[in-house]
C-alpha atoms as a PDB file:
ATOM      1  CA  MET A   1       0.113   0.064   0.009  1.00  0.00           C
ATOM      2  CA  ASP A   2       1.374   3.432  -0.844  1.00  0.00           C
ATOM      3  CA  TYR A   3       0.196   5.208   2.366  1.00  0.00           C
ATOM      4  CA  GLN A   4       1.541   8.650   1.082  1.00  0.00           C
ATOM      5  CA  ALA A   5      -0.958   8.114  -1.987  1.00  0.00           C
ATOM      6  CA  LEU A   6      -3.755   7.074   0.355  1.00  0.00           C
ATOM      7  CA  LYS A   7      -3.151  10.256   2.376  1.00  0.00           C
ATOM      8  CA  THR A   8      -3.181  12.467  -0.548  1.00  0.00           C
ATOM      9  CA  GLU A   9      -6.504  10.854  -1.714  1.00  0.00           C
ATOM     10  CA  LEU A  10      -7.909  11.347   1.660  1.00  0.00           C
ATOM     11  CA  LEU A  11      -7.180  14.937   1.747  1.00  0.00           C
ATOM     12  CA  ALA A  12      -8.293  15.802  -1.827  1.00  0.00           C
ATOM     13  CA  GLY A  13     -11.429  14.001  -1.509  1.00  0.00           C
ATOM     14  CA  HIS A  14     -13.207  11.222  -3.644  1.00  0.00           C
ATOM     15  CA  PRO A  15     -13.945  12.826  -7.023  1.00  0.00           C
ATOM     16  CA  THR A  16     -17.547  11.482  -7.182  1.00  0.00           C
ATOM     17  CA  THR A  17     -18.761  11.595  -3.476  1.00  0.00           C
ATOM     18  CA  GLY A  18     -16.573  14.465  -2.202  1.00  0.00           C
ATOM     19  CA  ALA A  19     -14.686  14.784   1.317  1.00  0.00           C
ATOM     20  CA  TYR A  20     -13.914  11.551   3.027  1.00  0.00           C
ATOM     21  CA  ASP A  21     -15.540  11.098   6.480  1.00  0.00           C
ATOM     22  CA  ALA A  22     -13.392  11.634   9.586  1.00  0.00           C
ATOM     23  CA  SER A  23     -14.343   8.143  10.781  1.00  0.00           C
ATOM     24  CA  SER A  24     -11.860   5.629   9.389  1.00  0.00           C
ATOM     25  CA  GLU A  25     -14.918   3.112   8.825  1.00  0.00           C
ATOM     26  CA  THR A  26     -17.006   5.449   6.844  1.00  0.00           C
ATOM     27  CA  ALA A  27     -13.936   6.757   4.848  1.00  0.00           C
ATOM     28  CA  VAL A  28     -13.035   2.863   3.981  1.00  0.00           C
ATOM     29  CA  THR A  29     -16.629   2.733   2.708  1.00  0.00           C
ATOM     30  CA  GLN A  30     -16.436   5.891   0.544  1.00  0.00           C
ATOM     31  CA  ILE A  31     -13.298   4.516  -1.068  1.00  0.00           C
ATOM     32  CA  ASN A  32     -14.075   0.877  -1.397  1.00  0.00           C
ATOM     33  CA  ALA A  33     -17.641   1.922  -2.807  1.00  0.00           C
ATOM     34  CA  VAL A  34     -17.965   0.720  -6.218  1.00  0.00           C
ATOM     35  CA  ASN A  35     -19.140   4.100  -7.956  1.00  0.00           C
ATOM     36  CA  ARG A  36     -16.343   5.065 -10.517  1.00  0.00           C
ATOM     37  CA  PRO A  37     -16.802   4.648 -14.221  1.00  0.00           C
ATOM     38  CA  TYR A  38     -14.347   2.518 -15.961  1.00  0.00           C
ATOM     39  CA  THR A  39     -13.950   1.307 -19.492  1.00  0.00           C
ATOM     40  CA  ILE A  40     -12.152  -1.898 -19.695  1.00  0.00           C
ATOM     41  CA  PRO A  41      -9.295  -1.314 -22.303  1.00  0.00           C
ATOM     42  CA  ALA A  42      -8.737  -5.003 -23.665  1.00  0.00           C
ATOM     43  CA  MET A  43     -10.850  -8.090 -23.717  1.00  0.00           C
ATOM     44  CA  SER A  44      -9.970 -11.728 -24.409  1.00  0.00           C
ATOM     45  CA  GLY A  45     -10.745 -13.209 -27.393  1.00  0.00           C
ATOM     46  CA  LYS A  46     -13.040 -15.726 -25.661  1.00  0.00           C
ATOM     47  CA  GLN A  47     -15.099 -12.985 -24.194  1.00  0.00           C
ATOM     48  CA  LEU A  48     -15.416 -11.023 -27.612  1.00  0.00           C
ATOM     49  CA  MET A  49     -16.527 -14.447 -29.085  1.00  0.00           C
ATOM     50  CA  ASP A  50     -19.064 -14.850 -26.216  1.00  0.00           C
ATOM     51  CA  LEU A  51     -20.581 -11.495 -27.081  1.00  0.00           C
ATOM     52  CA  THR A  52     -20.914 -12.081 -30.651  1.00  0.00           C
ATOM     53  CA  ASP A  53     -24.697 -12.182 -31.799  1.00  0.00           C
ATOM     54  CA  PRO A  54     -25.134 -15.547 -33.418  1.00  0.00           C
ATOM     55  CA  THR A  55     -27.559 -14.212 -36.112  1.00  0.00           C
ATOM     56  CA  GLU A  56     -25.204 -11.449 -37.036  1.00  0.00           C
ATOM     57  CA  TYR A  57     -22.205 -13.736 -37.462  1.00  0.00           C
ATOM     58  CA  GLN A  58     -24.148 -16.009 -39.612  1.00  0.00           C
ATOM     59  CA  GLY A  59     -24.690 -13.104 -42.038  1.00  0.00           C
ATOM     60  CA  LEU A  60     -21.102 -12.327 -42.586  1.00  0.00           C
ATOM     61  CA  THR A  61     -19.114 -13.425 -45.711  1.00  0.00           C
ATOM     62  CA  ASP A  62     -16.629 -16.108 -45.472  1.00  0.00           C
ATOM     63  CA  GLY A  63     -13.990 -13.362 -45.356  1.00  0.00           C
ATOM     64  CA  GLU A  64     -15.410 -11.380 -42.574  1.00  0.00           C
ATOM     65  CA  LYS A  65     -15.898 -14.624 -40.650  1.00  0.00           C
ATOM     66  CA  ALA A  66     -12.336 -15.493 -41.190  1.00  0.00           C
ATOM     67  CA  GLN A  67     -11.479 -12.000 -40.166  1.00  0.00           C
ATOM     68  CA  TRP A  68     -13.424 -12.164 -36.841  1.00  0.00           C
ATOM     69  CA  LEU A  69     -12.254 -15.751 -36.098  1.00  0.00           C
ATOM     70  CA  ALA A  70      -8.542 -14.292 -36.357  1.00  0.00           C
ATOM     71  CA  LEU A  71      -9.351 -11.453 -34.120  1.00  0.00           C
ATOM     72  CA  THR A  72     -10.850 -13.531 -31.373  1.00  0.00           C
ATOM     73  CA  SER A  73      -8.097 -16.030 -31.345  1.00  0.00           C
ATOM     74  CA  HIS A  74      -5.792 -13.447 -29.514  1.00  0.00           C
ATOM     75  CA  ASP A  75      -5.508 -13.722 -25.764  1.00  0.00           C
ATOM     76  CA  LEU A  76      -6.063  -9.864 -25.464  1.00  0.00           C
ATOM     77  CA  VAL A  77      -7.781  -7.571 -27.929  1.00  0.00           C
ATOM     78  CA  ASN A  78      -7.712  -3.792 -27.612  1.00  0.00           C
ATOM     79  CA  THR A  79     -11.090  -2.740 -27.328  1.00  0.00           C
ATOM     80  CA  GLU A  80     -10.957   1.039 -26.631  1.00  0.00           C
ATOM     81  CA  VAL A  81     -12.582   3.413 -28.908  1.00  0.00           C
ATOM     82  CA  GLY A  82     -10.258   3.699 -31.805  1.00  0.00           C
ATOM     83  CA  GLY A  83      -8.431   0.658 -30.745  1.00  0.00           C
ATOM     84  CA  MET A  84      -7.774  -2.033 -33.647  1.00  0.00           C
ATOM     85  CA  GLY A  85     -10.196  -4.315 -31.883  1.00  0.00           C
ATOM     86  CA  GLN A  86     -13.146  -1.631 -32.217  1.00  0.00           C
ATOM     87  CA  VAL A  87     -12.102  -0.776 -35.530  1.00  0.00           C
ATOM     88  CA  ILE A  88     -12.171  -4.081 -37.072  1.00  0.00           C
ATOM     89  CA  GLY A  89     -15.197  -5.080 -35.359  1.00  0.00           C
ATOM     90  CA  THR A  90     -17.015  -2.185 -36.478  1.00  0.00           C
ATOM     91  CA  ASP A  91     -15.919  -2.775 -40.074  1.00  0.00           C
ATOM     92  CA  ILE A  92     -17.171  -6.318 -39.629  1.00  0.00           C
ATOM     93  CA  PHE A  93     -20.383  -6.064 -37.919  1.00  0.00           C
ATOM     94  CA  GLY A  94     -21.376  -2.272 -37.992  1.00  0.00           C
ATOM     95  CA  ALA A  95     -23.231  -0.729 -35.160  1.00  0.00           C
ATOM     96  CA  GLY A  96     -25.497  -3.670 -34.498  1.00  0.00           C
ATOM     97  CA  THR A  97     -25.969  -6.092 -31.444  1.00  0.00           C
ATOM     98  CA  THR A  98     -22.629  -7.431 -31.538  1.00  0.00           C
ATOM     99  CA  ALA A  99     -21.068  -4.111 -31.142  1.00  0.00           C
ATOM    100  CA  SER A 100     -23.572  -3.109 -28.265  1.00  0.00           C
ATOM    101  CA  ASN A 101     -22.848  -6.220 -26.560  1.00  0.00           C
ATOM    102  CA  ILE A 102     -19.130  -5.479 -26.527  1.00  0.00           C
ATOM    103  CA  GLY A 103     -19.611  -1.804 -25.681  1.00  0.00           C
ATOM    104  CA  ALA A 104     -22.215  -2.769 -22.559  1.00  0.00           C
ATOM    105  CA  ALA A 105     -19.638  -5.292 -21.418  1.00  0.00           C
ATOM    106  CA  ARG A 106     -16.562  -3.050 -21.549  1.00  0.00           C
ATOM    107  CA  ASP A 107     -18.243  -0.298 -19.621  1.00  0.00           C
ATOM    108  CA  THR A 108     -18.118  -1.084 -15.891  1.00  0.00           C
ATOM    109  CA  THR A 109     -17.801   0.669 -12.471  1.00  0.00           C
ATOM    110  CA  ILE A 110     -15.030   0.185  -9.991  1.00  0.00           C
ATOM    111  CA  SER A 111     -14.232   1.620  -6.623  1.00  0.00           C
ATOM    112  CA  ARG A 112     -11.809   4.609  -5.992  1.00  0.00           C
ATOM    113  CA  ALA A 113      -9.340   2.167  -4.333  1.00  0.00           C
ATOM    114  CA  THR A 114      -9.215  -0.038  -7.326  1.00  0.00           C
ATOM    115  CA  GLU A 115      -8.735   3.065  -9.695  1.00  0.00           C
ATOM    116  CA  LEU A 116      -5.738   4.163  -7.644  1.00  0.00           C
ATOM    117  CA  GLY A 117      -4.318   0.785  -7.503  1.00  0.00           C
ATOM    118  CA  PHE A 118      -4.803   0.452  -3.797  1.00  0.00           C
ATOM    119  CA  GLY A 119      -6.684  -2.759  -3.511  1.00  0.00           C
ATOM    120  CA  VAL A 120      -9.180  -3.018  -0.830  1.00  0.00           C
ATOM    121  CA  VAL A 121      -8.391  -0.254   1.770  1.00  0.00           C
ATOM    122  CA  THR A 122      -8.889  -1.161   5.370  1.00  0.00           C
ATOM    123  CA  PRO A 123      -9.554   1.062   8.531  1.00  0.00           C
ATOM    124  CA  GLY A 124      -6.239   0.366   9.579  1.00  0.00           C
ATOM    125  CA  ASP A 125      -4.886   1.679   6.303  1.00  0.00           C
ATOM    126  CA  VAL A 126      -7.009   5.009   6.679  1.00  0.00           C
ATOM    127  CA  GLU A 127      -5.586   5.314  10.249  1.00  0.00           C
ATOM    128  CA  TYR A 128      -1.723   4.895   9.338  1.00  0.00           C
ATOM    129  CA  ALA A 129      -2.038   7.102   6.133  1.00  0.00           C
ATOM    130  CA  ARG A 130      -3.832   9.789   8.297  1.00  0.00           C
ATOM    131  CA  LEU A 131      -0.831   9.767  10.908  1.00  0.00           C
ATOM    132  CA  LEU A 132       1.955  10.230   8.181  1.00  0.00           C
ATOM    133  CA  GLY A 133       3.589  13.520   8.779  1.00  0.00           C
ATOM    134  CA  THR A 134       1.580  14.630  11.528  1.00  0.00           C
END
């Protein structure tokens, strides 16, 4: 745990909910709450295949099917907006159900603690961070 970074966060306040409570237990609830939007930057080929609409896939040309199978054979595919996975997927499927499925699956929420790379923050972590430099 980077306690100095945690202290900085506690002093700055949560970007969604504002100031952290003086109570360590309440501050932990605030920082560990799953309320921060997050876009998953990459998905596995298996995840993409599972999100593929079967009817749309059946409507593809043999060349498009081969292209999709080649893309989904990768361990990880960049699914960010403008990333090659998105560019290729949109080129093959357009803005149909498969694109919607993938878009919905990559948009999620995480905690502020996860966003900052802290993992799960405990009351003891908060208490120790608040004592730094006092």
